[in-house]
Structures are given as structure tokens and as C-alpha cells.
Amino acid sequence: VYRNPAELPCGHATCATVGSGATLVFAPDPVQAFAEASYSQQQEFNLAPDASLALVDWFSSGRAARGERWAFAYFSSRNQVRVGDKTVFLDSLALNADDGDLVAQHRTGRFNCMGSLLLIGPKLRDAAQKLLSEVGAAPVLRQAALVCSASPIADGAVLRIAGEHVEAVGRELHKYLAPLNALLGDDPW
């Protein structure tokens, strides 16, 4: 995401409807906001009661090799998932440089990439259970380069990741997307 010389924000909105028995894998590349950029995204997914969704949402610190580590002005992401008329998942994040130093230890600290993976629906139930058991059994190591947590949600699970390296976060996401290969007949990554 480039800085807009007129300092106007940029962003996108995605709205998807997933029909009965269908599966949607929404797994974009990470958002990488340049210095002084302002970006906002809103993603809404409406699922039939027997539909499934794998949703990846991740972002990096920016162009760290160019000295633009967490140098953007604003980043926000909002994901909402409805099954029928009921909201079953709502996740919202905003990082605003006006609220304080983004690299402060209590904000992004040493991490350069953060992301989440949502697995929901009957076709992804086994993958969600596997994710929950694997992440739940993994030890939490002090000063680990990659930190993961997983939580159950209605008919699925959500994985949250923070990593020092974008590539490591990508590998972890890919690991938990791998069970979808057989379902899709291809690697969604």
C-alpha cells in the first residue's frame, strides 16, 4: 500500500456470499503498508448454514529493509462472518500512529508480521479441530520468534500469529491450510 501524496486513505471492501455446500478459501498475500500510508479494509462473508470458509488476514510491518518498519500512519482491518442471519465472527483491528509509537513493546514490539486464519463450516471442521489440538499442545517459549494462539468459535477455530519474520508467519499459515489441498484438489497457497 503506497503513501498517497494527498494524504487520502486507501482501502478495499470485500463482500462474499458462500452458497449451500460451497467452500471459499480467501487467502491473499499480506498487506504491506509503505511509510506514511493509510489503509483500511472491511471484509464481510455471508455463509449458508452448510457452507465453509477459510479466511487468511495478515499484514507486515512494511518495508523493513528500507527502514520503514511500522512507519505507516494508519492500518485497520475488520472481518465479519455471518452464518444465515447470525454473526458468528467479528474481528476488528486498528493501528494508528497517532495513538503512540507502533514499535513500542506493548504494541508490535519485535514482531514484523501478524495474522489470523479462520476455519469455519462443516467441510473444515476436522482441520479446525486439528489446529486447536496442535496449537494447544505446543509449548509457549519465552522470546519465541513466532507466537501462536488458537480459539474455538462456533463450528470452527481461529488462529492468531505474531512473528518476527513474514516468511515464518507464511509457513505457519500454509501448514494449517494444507488440509484444504485434498478438499480443493489443489494448494490454495
C-alpha atoms as a PDB file:
ATOM      1  CA  VAL A   1       0.000   0.000   0.000  1.00  0.00           C
ATOM      2  CA  TYR A   2       1.634   3.217  -1.170  1.00  0.00           C
ATOM      3  CA  ARG A   3       1.524   6.566   0.576  1.00  0.00           C
ATOM      4  CA  ASN A   4      -0.966   8.876  -1.077  1.00  0.00           C
ATOM      5  CA  PRO A   5       0.653  12.290  -1.741  1.00  0.00           C
ATOM      6  CA  ALA A   6      -2.684  13.973  -0.992  1.00  0.00           C
ATOM      7  CA  GLU A   7      -2.743  12.041   2.329  1.00  0.00           C
ATOM      8  CA  LEU A   8      -6.016  10.409   1.370  1.00  0.00           C
ATOM      9  CA  PRO A   9      -6.658   6.969   2.838  1.00  0.00           C
ATOM     10  CA  CYS A  10      -6.951   3.932   0.621  1.00  0.00           C
ATOM     11  CA  GLY A  11      -8.531   0.586   1.197  1.00  0.00           C
ATOM     12  CA  HIS A  12     -10.880  -2.047  -0.030  1.00  0.00           C
ATOM     13  CA  ALA A  13     -14.139  -3.704   0.828  1.00  0.00           C
ATOM     14  CA  THR A  14     -14.895  -7.341   0.111  1.00  0.00           C
ATOM     15  CA  CYS A  15     -18.328  -8.855   0.394  1.00  0.00           C
ATOM     16  CA  ALA A  16     -18.774 -12.532  -0.436  1.00  0.00           C
ATOM     17  CA  THR A  17     -21.736 -14.847  -0.266  1.00  0.00           C
ATOM     18  CA  VAL A  18     -20.955 -18.544   0.067  1.00  0.00           C
ATOM     19  CA  GLY A  19     -23.819 -20.749  -1.043  1.00  0.00           C
ATOM     20  CA  SER A  20     -25.127 -24.015   0.288  1.00  0.00           C
ATOM     21  CA  GLY A  21     -22.472 -26.741   0.401  1.00  0.00           C
ATOM     22  CA  ALA A  22     -19.787 -24.427  -1.039  1.00  0.00           C
ATOM     23  CA  THR A  23     -16.343 -23.644   0.355  1.00  0.00           C
ATOM     24  CA  LEU A  24     -14.481 -20.365  -0.060  1.00  0.00           C
ATOM     25  CA  VAL A  25     -10.744 -20.067   0.568  1.00  0.00           C
ATOM     26  CA  PHE A  26      -9.814 -16.381   0.829  1.00  0.00           C
ATOM     27  CA  ALA A  27      -6.042 -16.308   1.287  1.00  0.00           C
ATOM     28  CA  PRO A  28      -4.440 -13.112  -0.058  1.00  0.00           C
ATOM     29  CA  ASP A  29      -0.823 -12.027   0.296  1.00  0.00           C
ATOM     30  CA  PRO A  30      -0.067  -9.938   3.392  1.00  0.00           C
ATOM     31  CA  VAL A  31      -0.823  -6.232   3.361  1.00  0.00           C
ATOM     32  CA  GLN A  32       2.417  -4.258   3.295  1.00  0.00           C
ATOM     33  CA  ALA A  33       1.871  -0.568   4.001  1.00  0.00           C
ATOM     34  CA  PHE A  34       4.614   1.857   2.983  1.00  0.00           C
ATOM     35  CA  ALA A  35       5.759   4.716   5.231  1.00  0.00           C
ATOM     36  CA  GLU A  36       3.006   7.269   5.943  1.00  0.00           C
ATOM     37  CA  ALA A  37       0.365   5.151   4.172  1.00  0.00           C
ATOM     38  CA  SER A  38      -3.189   4.988   5.468  1.00  0.00           C
ATOM     39  CA  TYR A  39      -5.145   1.807   4.724  1.00  0.00           C
ATOM     40  CA  SER A  40      -8.465   0.363   5.798  1.00  0.00           C
ATOM     41  CA  GLN A  41     -10.143  -2.872   4.763  1.00  0.00           C
ATOM     42  CA  GLN A  42     -13.559  -4.307   5.510  1.00  0.00           C
ATOM     43  CA  GLN A  43     -14.373  -7.898   4.649  1.00  0.00           C
ATOM     44  CA  GLU A  44     -17.795  -9.431   5.035  1.00  0.00           C
ATOM     45  CA  PHE A  45     -18.631 -13.086   4.410  1.00  0.00           C
ATOM     46  CA  ASN A  46     -22.189 -14.392   4.371  1.00  0.00           C
ATOM     47  CA  LEU A  47     -22.367 -18.171   4.623  1.00  0.00           C
ATOM     48  CA  ALA A  48     -25.249 -20.548   4.069  1.00  0.00           C
ATOM     49  CA  PRO A  49     -25.703 -22.801   7.135  1.00  0.00           C
ATOM     50  CA  ASP A  50     -23.781 -25.654   5.467  1.00  0.00           C
ATOM     51  CA  ALA A  51     -21.103 -23.511   3.755  1.00  0.00           C
ATOM     52  CA  SER A  52     -17.434 -23.366   4.791  1.00  0.00           C
ATOM     53  CA  LEU A  53     -14.822 -20.599   4.842  1.00  0.00           C
ATOM     54  CA  ALA A  54     -11.054 -20.419   5.245  1.00  0.00           C
ATOM     55  CA  LEU A  55     -10.081 -16.774   5.743  1.00  0.00           C
ATOM     56  CA  VAL A  56      -6.496 -15.518   5.976  1.00  0.00           C
ATOM     57  CA  ASP A  57      -5.914 -11.932   7.085  1.00  0.00           C
ATOM     58  CA  TRP A  58      -2.324 -10.840   7.642  1.00  0.00           C
ATOM     59  CA  PHE A  59      -0.128  -7.781   7.417  1.00  0.00           C
ATOM     60  CA  SER A  60       3.530  -6.895   7.737  1.00  0.00           C
ATOM     61  CA  SER A  61       5.428  -4.044   9.336  1.00  0.00           C
ATOM     62  CA  GLY A  62       6.079  -2.521   5.920  1.00  0.00           C
ATOM     63  CA  ARG A  63       9.331  -2.289   4.020  1.00  0.00           C
ATOM     64  CA  ALA A  64      11.598  -3.026   6.991  1.00  0.00           C
ATOM     65  CA  ALA A  65      14.687  -3.431   4.787  1.00  0.00           C
ATOM     66  CA  ARG A  66      14.183   0.195   3.685  1.00  0.00           C
ATOM     67  CA  GLY A  67      13.836   1.437   7.268  1.00  0.00           C
ATOM     68  CA  GLU A  68      10.047   1.606   7.044  1.00  0.00           C
ATOM     69  CA  ARG A  69       9.271  -0.707   9.948  1.00  0.00           C
ATOM     70  CA  TRP A  70       5.787   0.109  11.315  1.00  0.00           C
ATOM     71  CA  ALA A  71       6.134   3.544   9.681  1.00  0.00           C
ATOM     72  CA  PHE A  72       2.616   3.720   8.213  1.00  0.00           C
ATOM     73  CA  ALA A  73       0.164   6.270   9.556  1.00  0.00           C
ATOM     74  CA  TYR A  74      -2.897   4.050   9.901  1.00  0.00           C
ATOM     75  CA  PHE A  75      -3.983   0.463   9.310  1.00  0.00           C
ATOM     76  CA  SER A  76      -7.327  -1.121  10.040  1.00  0.00           C
ATOM     77  CA  SER A  77      -8.917  -4.430   9.217  1.00  0.00           C
ATOM     78  CA  ARG A  78     -12.418  -5.647  10.012  1.00  0.00           C
ATOM     79  CA  ASN A  79     -13.684  -9.150   9.261  1.00  0.00           C
ATOM     80  CA  GLN A  80     -17.283 -10.182   9.793  1.00  0.00           C
ATOM     81  CA  VAL A  81     -18.687 -13.647   9.160  1.00  0.00           C
ATOM     82  CA  ARG A  82     -22.386 -14.418   9.236  1.00  0.00           C
ATOM     83  CA  VAL A  83     -23.987 -17.825   9.035  1.00  0.00           C
ATOM     84  CA  GLY A  84     -27.550 -17.269   7.953  1.00  0.00           C
ATOM     85  CA  ASP A  85     -28.671 -14.136   9.806  1.00  0.00           C
ATOM     86  CA  LYS A  86     -26.327 -14.620  12.767  1.00  0.00           C
ATOM     87  CA  THR A  87     -22.893 -13.010  13.145  1.00  0.00           C
ATOM     88  CA  VAL A  88     -20.579 -15.802  14.332  1.00  0.00           C
ATOM     89  CA  PHE A  89     -17.244 -13.992  13.985  1.00  0.00           C
ATOM     90  CA  LEU A  90     -16.349 -10.312  14.208  1.00  0.00           C
ATOM     91  CA  ASP A  91     -12.726  -9.236  14.376  1.00  0.00           C
ATOM     92  CA  SER A  92     -11.527  -5.663  14.173  1.00  0.00           C
ATOM     93  CA  LEU A  93      -8.045  -4.204  14.481  1.00  0.00           C
ATOM     94  CA  ALA A  94      -6.784  -0.631  14.188  1.00  0.00           C
ATOM     95  CA  LEU A  95      -3.188   0.559  14.430  1.00  0.00           C
ATOM     96  CA  ASN A  96      -2.890   4.318  14.459  1.00  0.00           C
ATOM     97  CA  ALA A  97       0.495   6.061  14.717  1.00  0.00           C
ATOM     98  CA  ASP A  98      -1.291   8.988  16.410  1.00  0.00           C
ATOM     99  CA  ASP A  99      -2.007   6.701  19.382  1.00  0.00           C
ATOM    100  CA  GLY A 100       1.703   6.225  20.106  1.00  0.00           C
ATOM    101  CA  ASP A 101       4.792   4.546  18.750  1.00  0.00           C
ATOM    102  CA  LEU A 102       3.764   1.419  16.825  1.00  0.00           C
ATOM    103  CA  VAL A 103       7.070  -0.308  17.637  1.00  0.00           C
ATOM    104  CA  ALA A 104       6.591   0.112  21.383  1.00  0.00           C
ATOM    105  CA  GLN A 105       6.939  -3.158  23.278  1.00  0.00           C
ATOM    106  CA  HIS A 106       3.272  -3.171  24.308  1.00  0.00           C
ATOM    107  CA  ARG A 107       2.117  -2.671  20.693  1.00  0.00           C
ATOM    108  CA  THR A 108       4.024  -4.504  17.946  1.00  0.00           C
ATOM    109  CA  GLY A 109       7.396  -4.823  19.678  1.00  0.00           C
ATOM    110  CA  ARG A 110       9.813  -7.175  17.965  1.00  0.00           C
ATOM    111  CA  PHE A 111       7.220  -8.654  15.623  1.00  0.00           C
ATOM    112  CA  ASN A 112       7.170  -7.777  11.919  1.00  0.00           C
ATOM    113  CA  CYS A 113       4.108  -9.729  10.831  1.00  0.00           C
ATOM    114  CA  MET A 114       0.748 -10.521  12.358  1.00  0.00           C
ATOM    115  CA  GLY A 115      -2.066 -12.584  11.011  1.00  0.00           C
ATOM    116  CA  SER A 116      -5.084 -14.719  11.560  1.00  0.00           C
ATOM    117  CA  LEU A 117      -6.636 -17.772   9.995  1.00  0.00           C
ATOM    118  CA  LEU A 118     -10.308 -18.561  10.406  1.00  0.00           C
ATOM    119  CA  LEU A 119     -11.592 -22.046   9.590  1.00  0.00           C
ATOM    120  CA  ILE A 120     -15.352 -22.423   9.824  1.00  0.00           C
ATOM    121  CA  GLY A 121     -18.017 -24.737   8.491  1.00  0.00           C
ATOM    122  CA  PRO A 122     -18.679 -28.450   8.109  1.00  0.00           C
ATOM    123  CA  LYS A 123     -16.021 -29.127   5.439  1.00  0.00           C
ATOM    124  CA  LEU A 124     -13.314 -27.502   7.595  1.00  0.00           C
ATOM    125  CA  ARG A 125     -14.396 -28.895  10.957  1.00  0.00           C
ATOM    126  CA  ASP A 126     -11.636 -31.542  11.064  1.00  0.00           C
ATOM    127  CA  ALA A 127      -8.951 -29.009  10.042  1.00  0.00           C
ATOM    128  CA  ALA A 128     -10.197 -26.629  12.752  1.00  0.00           C
ATOM    129  CA  GLN A 129     -10.052 -29.362  15.408  1.00  0.00           C
ATOM    130  CA  LYS A 130      -6.547 -30.341  14.304  1.00  0.00           C
ATOM    131  CA  LEU A 131      -5.449 -26.699  14.506  1.00  0.00           C
ATOM    132  CA  LEU A 132      -6.875 -26.355  18.023  1.00  0.00           C
ATOM    133  CA  SER A 133      -5.207 -29.520  19.280  1.00  0.00           C
ATOM    134  CA  GLU A 134      -1.799 -28.787  17.708  1.00  0.00           C
ATOM    135  CA  VAL A 135      -1.617 -25.175  18.867  1.00  0.00           C
ATOM    136  CA  GLY A 136      -2.987 -26.107  22.294  1.00  0.00           C
ATOM    137  CA  ALA A 137      -0.317 -28.775  22.757  1.00  0.00           C
ATOM    138  CA  ALA A 138       2.581 -26.560  21.649  1.00  0.00           C
ATOM    139  CA  PRO A 139       4.686 -25.015  24.415  1.00  0.00           C
ATOM    140  CA  VAL A 140       4.878 -21.241  24.726  1.00  0.00           C
ATOM    141  CA  LEU A 141       8.540 -20.306  24.668  1.00  0.00           C
ATOM    142  CA  ARG A 142       9.896 -17.069  26.103  1.00  0.00           C
ATOM    143  CA  GLN A 143      11.070 -14.700  23.340  1.00  0.00           C
ATOM    144  CA  ALA A 144       9.977 -17.126  20.604  1.00  0.00           C
ATOM    145  CA  ALA A 145      10.316 -15.765  17.067  1.00  0.00           C
ATOM    146  CA  LEU A 146       6.788 -16.999  16.317  1.00  0.00           C
ATOM    147  CA  VAL A 147       3.878 -16.912  18.744  1.00  0.00           C
ATOM    148  CA  CYS A 148       0.553 -18.637  18.026  1.00  0.00           C
ATOM    149  CA  SER A 149      -2.742 -18.928  19.823  1.00  0.00           C
ATOM    150  CA  ALA A 150      -5.941 -20.662  18.786  1.00  0.00           C
ATOM    151  CA  SER A 151      -9.505 -20.322  19.961  1.00  0.00           C
ATOM    152  CA  PRO A 152     -12.639 -22.284  19.165  1.00  0.00           C
ATOM    153  CA  ILE A 153     -15.570 -20.469  17.603  1.00  0.00           C
ATOM    154  CA  ALA A 154     -18.980 -21.717  16.519  1.00  0.00           C
ATOM    155  CA  ASP A 155     -18.286 -24.621  14.124  1.00  0.00           C
ATOM    156  CA  GLY A 156     -14.619 -23.731  13.692  1.00  0.00           C
ATOM    157  CA  ALA A 157     -11.467 -22.150  15.029  1.00  0.00           C
ATOM    158  CA  VAL A 158      -9.385 -19.012  14.720  1.00  0.00           C
ATOM    159  CA  LEU A 159      -5.583 -18.972  14.744  1.00  0.00           C
ATOM    160  CA  ARG A 160      -3.673 -15.820  15.629  1.00  0.00           C
ATOM    161  CA  ILE A 161       0.014 -15.453  14.803  1.00  0.00           C
ATOM    162  CA  ALA A 162       2.722 -12.889  15.501  1.00  0.00           C
ATOM    163  CA  GLY A 163       6.160 -13.434  14.018  1.00  0.00           C
ATOM    164  CA  GLU A 164       9.480 -11.708  13.697  1.00  0.00           C
ATOM    165  CA  HIS A 165       9.647 -12.721  10.014  1.00  0.00           C
ATOM    166  CA  VAL A 166       6.935 -12.588   7.341  1.00  0.00           C
ATOM    167  CA  GLU A 167       8.189 -15.847   5.845  1.00  0.00           C
ATOM    168  CA  ALA A 168       7.792 -17.720   9.146  1.00  0.00           C
ATOM    169  CA  VAL A 169       4.210 -16.491   9.530  1.00  0.00           C
ATOM    170  CA  GLY A 170       3.528 -17.559   5.934  1.00  0.00           C
ATOM    171  CA  ARG A 171       4.899 -21.050   6.607  1.00  0.00           C
ATOM    172  CA  GLU A 172       2.724 -21.389   9.700  1.00  0.00           C
ATOM    173  CA  LEU A 173      -0.385 -20.302   7.827  1.00  0.00           C
ATOM    174  CA  HIS A 174       0.458 -22.696   4.991  1.00  0.00           C
ATOM    175  CA  LYS A 175       0.832 -25.546   7.489  1.00  0.00           C
ATOM    176  CA  TYR A 176      -2.742 -25.051   8.708  1.00  0.00           C
ATOM    177  CA  LEU A 177      -4.087 -24.538   5.182  1.00  0.00           C
ATOM    178  CA  ALA A 178      -2.504 -27.790   3.958  1.00  0.00           C
ATOM    179  CA  PRO A 179      -5.539 -29.967   4.895  1.00  0.00           C
ATOM    180  CA  LEU A 180      -7.544 -27.981   2.333  1.00  0.00           C
ATOM    181  CA  ASN A 181      -5.439 -29.346  -0.529  1.00  0.00           C
ATOM    182  CA  ALA A 182      -7.394 -32.615  -0.641  1.00  0.00           C
ATOM    183  CA  LEU A 183     -10.717 -30.794  -0.421  1.00  0.00           C
ATOM    184  CA  LEU A 184      -9.878 -28.382  -3.250  1.00  0.00           C
ATOM    185  CA  GLY A 185      -7.766 -30.670  -5.403  1.00  0.00           C
ATOM    186  CA  ASP A 186      -5.043 -28.003  -5.349  1.00  0.00           C
ATOM    187  CA  ASP A 187      -2.884 -25.974  -2.970  1.00  0.00           C
ATOM    188  CA  PRO A 188      -4.661 -22.649  -2.273  1.00  0.00           C
ATOM    189  CA  TRP A 189      -1.397 -21.084  -1.297  1.00  0.00           C
END
